[in-house]
C-alpha atoms as a PDB file:
ATOM      1  CA  MET A   1       6.703  14.600  -0.694  1.00  0.00           C
ATOM      2  CA  GLY A   2       7.058  18.248  -0.994  1.00  0.00           C
ATOM      3  CA  ASP A   3       7.103  20.609   1.970  1.00  0.00           C
ATOM      4  CA  GLY A   4       3.905  22.353   0.925  1.00  0.00           C
ATOM      5  CA  LEU A   5       1.972  19.080   0.852  1.00  0.00           C
ATOM      6  CA  VAL A   6       3.215  18.155   4.247  1.00  0.00           C
ATOM      7  CA  ALA A   7       2.256  21.482   5.659  1.00  0.00           C
ATOM      8  CA  GLU A   8      -1.168  21.083   4.198  1.00  0.00           C
ATOM      9  CA  LEU A   9      -1.648  17.527   5.547  1.00  0.00           C
ATOM     10  CA  VAL A  10      -0.642  18.655   9.143  1.00  0.00           C
ATOM     11  CA  ALA A  11      -2.963  21.768   8.786  1.00  0.00           C
ATOM     12  CA  ARG A  12      -5.843  19.538   7.857  1.00  0.00           C
ATOM     13  CA  ALA A  13      -5.113  17.023  10.657  1.00  0.00           C
ATOM     14  CA  GLN A  14      -4.964  19.976  13.253  1.00  0.00           C
ATOM     15  CA  ALA A  15      -8.213  21.538  11.869  1.00  0.00           C
ATOM     16  CA  GLY A  16     -10.011  18.103  12.038  1.00  0.00           C
ATOM     17  CA  GLY A  17      -8.566  17.186  15.490  1.00  0.00           C
ATOM     18  CA  VAL A  18      -6.542  14.249  14.012  1.00  0.00           C
ATOM     19  CA  LYS A  19      -3.472  13.149  16.166  1.00  0.00           C
ATOM     20  CA  LEU A  20      -0.191  13.043  14.484  1.00  0.00           C
ATOM     21  CA  THR A  21       0.643   9.551  15.906  1.00  0.00           C
ATOM     22  CA  GLY A  22      -1.268   6.715  17.473  1.00  0.00           C
ATOM     23  CA  GLU A  23      -4.490   4.884  16.527  1.00  0.00           C
ATOM     24  CA  GLY A  24      -6.183   6.564  13.615  1.00  0.00           C
ATOM     25  CA  GLY A  25      -3.507   9.243  13.669  1.00  0.00           C
ATOM     26  CA  LEU A  26      -2.124  11.147  10.500  1.00  0.00           C
ATOM     27  CA  LEU A  27       0.981   8.821  10.210  1.00  0.00           C
ATOM     28  CA  GLN A  28      -1.189   5.770  10.194  1.00  0.00           C
ATOM     29  CA  GLN A  29      -3.487   7.271   7.536  1.00  0.00           C
ATOM     30  CA  LEU A  30      -0.502   8.387   5.338  1.00  0.00           C
ATOM     31  CA  THR A  31       1.053   5.004   5.679  1.00  0.00           C
ATOM     32  CA  LYS A  32      -2.136   3.193   4.668  1.00  0.00           C
ATOM     33  CA  ARG A  33      -2.595   5.534   1.511  1.00  0.00           C
ATOM     34  CA  VAL A  34       1.150   5.135   0.587  1.00  0.00           C
ATOM     35  CA  LEU A  35       1.052   1.256   0.801  1.00  0.00           C
ATOM     36  CA  GLU A  36      -2.338   0.903  -1.009  1.00  0.00           C
ATOM     37  CA  SER A  37      -1.231   3.246  -3.857  1.00  0.00           C
ATOM     38  CA  ALA A  38       2.112   1.462  -4.276  1.00  0.00           C
ATOM     39  CA  LEU A  39       0.232  -1.906  -4.301  1.00  0.00           C
ATOM     40  CA  GLU A  40      -2.205  -0.675  -6.944  1.00  0.00           C
ATOM     41  CA  CYS A  41       0.920   0.362  -9.043  1.00  0.00           C
ATOM     42  CA  GLU A  42       2.453  -2.965  -8.575  1.00  0.00           C
ATOM     43  CA  LEU A  43      -0.822  -4.620  -9.919  1.00  0.00           C
ATOM     44  CA  THR A  44      -1.090  -2.177 -12.878  1.00  0.00           C
ATOM     45  CA  ASP A  45       2.599  -3.195 -13.738  1.00  0.00           C
ATOM     46  CA  HIS A  46       1.656  -6.954 -13.296  1.00  0.00           C
ATOM     47  CA  LEU A  47      -1.407  -6.628 -15.611  1.00  0.00           C
ATOM     48  CA  GLY A  48       0.046  -4.212 -18.142  1.00  0.00           C
ATOM     49  CA  HIS A  49      -2.915  -1.902 -18.273  1.00  0.00           C
ATOM     50  CA  GLN A  50      -4.499   0.821 -16.152  1.00  0.00           C
ATOM     51  CA  PRO A  51      -7.782   0.367 -14.163  1.00  0.00           C
ATOM     52  CA  GLY A  52     -10.644   0.501 -16.441  1.00  0.00           C
ATOM     53  CA  GLU A  53      -8.718  -0.257 -19.559  1.00  0.00           C
ATOM     54  CA  ARG A  54      -9.035  -3.470 -21.559  1.00  0.00           C
ATOM     55  CA  ALA A  55      -5.986  -5.782 -21.658  1.00  0.00           C
ATOM     56  CA  GLU A  56      -4.257  -5.973 -25.110  1.00  0.00           C
ATOM     57  CA  GLY A  57      -3.654  -9.109 -26.955  1.00  0.00           C
ATOM     58  CA  GLY A  58      -6.627 -11.125 -25.773  1.00  0.00           C
ATOM     59  CA  ARG A  59      -5.322 -11.444 -22.148  1.00  0.00           C
ATOM     60  CA  ASP A  60      -8.207 -11.979 -19.789  1.00  0.00           C
ATOM     61  CA  ASN A  61      -6.584 -11.164 -16.347  1.00  0.00           C
ATOM     62  CA  TYR A  62      -7.936  -8.202 -14.731  1.00  0.00           C
ATOM     63  CA  ARG A  63      -8.549  -6.596 -11.421  1.00  0.00           C
ATOM     64  CA  ASN A  64     -10.682  -8.600  -9.041  1.00  0.00           C
ATOM     65  CA  GLY A  65     -11.357  -6.595  -5.937  1.00  0.00           C
ATOM     66  CA  HIS A  66      -9.210  -6.316  -2.720  1.00  0.00           C
ATOM     67  CA  ARG A  67      -8.611  -8.359   0.412  1.00  0.00           C
ATOM     68  CA  SER A  68      -8.122  -6.866   3.810  1.00  0.00           C
ATOM     69  CA  LYS A  69      -4.745  -7.226   5.607  1.00  0.00           C
ATOM     70  CA  THR A  70      -3.347  -5.792   8.823  1.00  0.00           C
ATOM     71  CA  VAL A  71       0.313  -4.937   8.732  1.00  0.00           C
ATOM     72  CA  ILE A  72       2.433  -3.770  11.758  1.00  0.00           C
ATOM     73  CA  THR A  73       4.400  -0.539  11.189  1.00  0.00           C
ATOM     74  CA  GLU A  74       6.428   1.823  13.176  1.00  0.00           C
ATOM     75  CA  SER A  75       3.296   3.854  13.679  1.00  0.00           C
ATOM     76  CA  GLY A  76       1.229   0.954  14.840  1.00  0.00           C
ATOM     77  CA  PRO A  77      -1.058  -1.451  13.150  1.00  0.00           C
ATOM     78  CA  VAL A  78      -2.430  -0.464   9.737  1.00  0.00           C
ATOM     79  CA  GLU A  79      -5.252  -2.135   7.825  1.00  0.00           C
ATOM     80  CA  ILE A  80      -4.828  -2.034   4.201  1.00  0.00           C
ATOM     81  CA  ALA A  81      -6.676  -3.286   1.148  1.00  0.00           C
ATOM     82  CA  VAL A  82      -4.477  -5.590  -1.069  1.00  0.00           C
ATOM     83  CA  PRO A  83      -5.547  -5.653  -4.678  1.00  0.00           C
ATOM     84  CA  ARG A  84      -6.102  -9.164  -6.421  1.00  0.00           C
ATOM     85  CA  ASP A  85      -6.248 -10.135  -9.952  1.00  0.00           C
ATOM     86  CA  ARG A  86      -8.659 -12.642 -11.456  1.00  0.00           C
ATOM     87  CA  ALA A  87      -5.968 -15.331 -12.305  1.00  0.00           C
ATOM     88  CA  GLY A  88      -4.394 -15.201  -8.806  1.00  0.00           C
ATOM     89  CA  SER A  89      -1.011 -14.698 -10.251  1.00  0.00           C
ATOM     90  CA  PHE A  90      -0.360 -11.324  -8.700  1.00  0.00           C
ATOM     91  CA  GLU A  91       2.312 -11.498  -5.891  1.00  0.00           C
ATOM     92  CA  PRO A  92       2.928  -8.083  -4.271  1.00  0.00           C
ATOM     93  CA  GLN A  93       6.492  -7.209  -3.544  1.00  0.00           C
ATOM     94  CA  LEU A  94       6.172  -4.142  -1.285  1.00  0.00           C
ATOM     95  CA  VAL A  95       3.940  -6.148   1.163  1.00  0.00           C
ATOM     96  CA  LYS A  96       4.512  -9.893   0.277  1.00  0.00           C
ATOM     97  CA  GLN A  97       1.930 -12.604   0.926  1.00  0.00           C
ATOM     98  CA  ARG A  98       2.008 -13.622   4.514  1.00  0.00           C
ATOM     99  CA  GLN A  99       4.177 -10.700   5.552  1.00  0.00           C
ATOM    100  CA  ARG A 100       2.941  -8.884   8.626  1.00  0.00           C
ATOM    101  CA  ARG A 101       5.561  -6.356   9.329  1.00  0.00           C
ATOM    102  CA  VAL A 102       6.359  -3.413   6.989  1.00  0.00           C
ATOM    103  CA  GLY A 103       9.732  -1.780   7.161  1.00  0.00           C
ATOM    104  CA  VAL A 104      11.774  -5.015   6.599  1.00  0.00           C
ATOM    105  CA  VAL A 105      13.390  -5.475   3.218  1.00  0.00           C
ATOM    106  CA  GLN A 106      14.047  -9.103   2.246  1.00  0.00           C
ATOM    107  CA  THR A 107      17.522  -9.518   0.781  1.00  0.00           C
ATOM    108  CA  GLY A 108      18.098 -13.124  -0.350  1.00  0.00           C
ATOM    109  CA  ASP A 109      17.947 -15.320   2.765  1.00  0.00           C
ATOM    110  CA  GLN A 110      18.157 -12.409   5.251  1.00  0.00           C
ATOM    111  CA  ALA A 111      15.895  -9.701   6.475  1.00  0.00           C
ATOM    112  CA  ALA A 112      17.454  -6.354   6.969  1.00  0.00           C
ATOM    113  CA  VAL A 113      15.443  -3.381   8.626  1.00  0.00           C
ATOM    114  CA  ALA A 114      15.159  -0.646   6.032  1.00  0.00           C
ATOM    115  CA  GLY A 115      16.553   2.690   7.081  1.00  0.00           C
END
């Protein structure tokens, strides 16, 4: 993320009276947007086509809404919208099913704190 974008986001937060940390703060909002954007990209890769495009080769799996999930992050709990596919074959990797904490990277049988 470029310095200009960060400065713009902080300026918007200050102008709108948004706190940097805590419930509803800028860090929580950014975390939510980053996670949701990454999950959408994962689903696009899984399906093999962009939102609104038709699947090639007669495949009939497509986007099928979202489900709500609350994850615990270093900036507090964040409610995210996890995308779903019609066939139910999409398994997110960034925030895995039943995973409640974000910031932990699964490596084989161990969990290591990312950092």
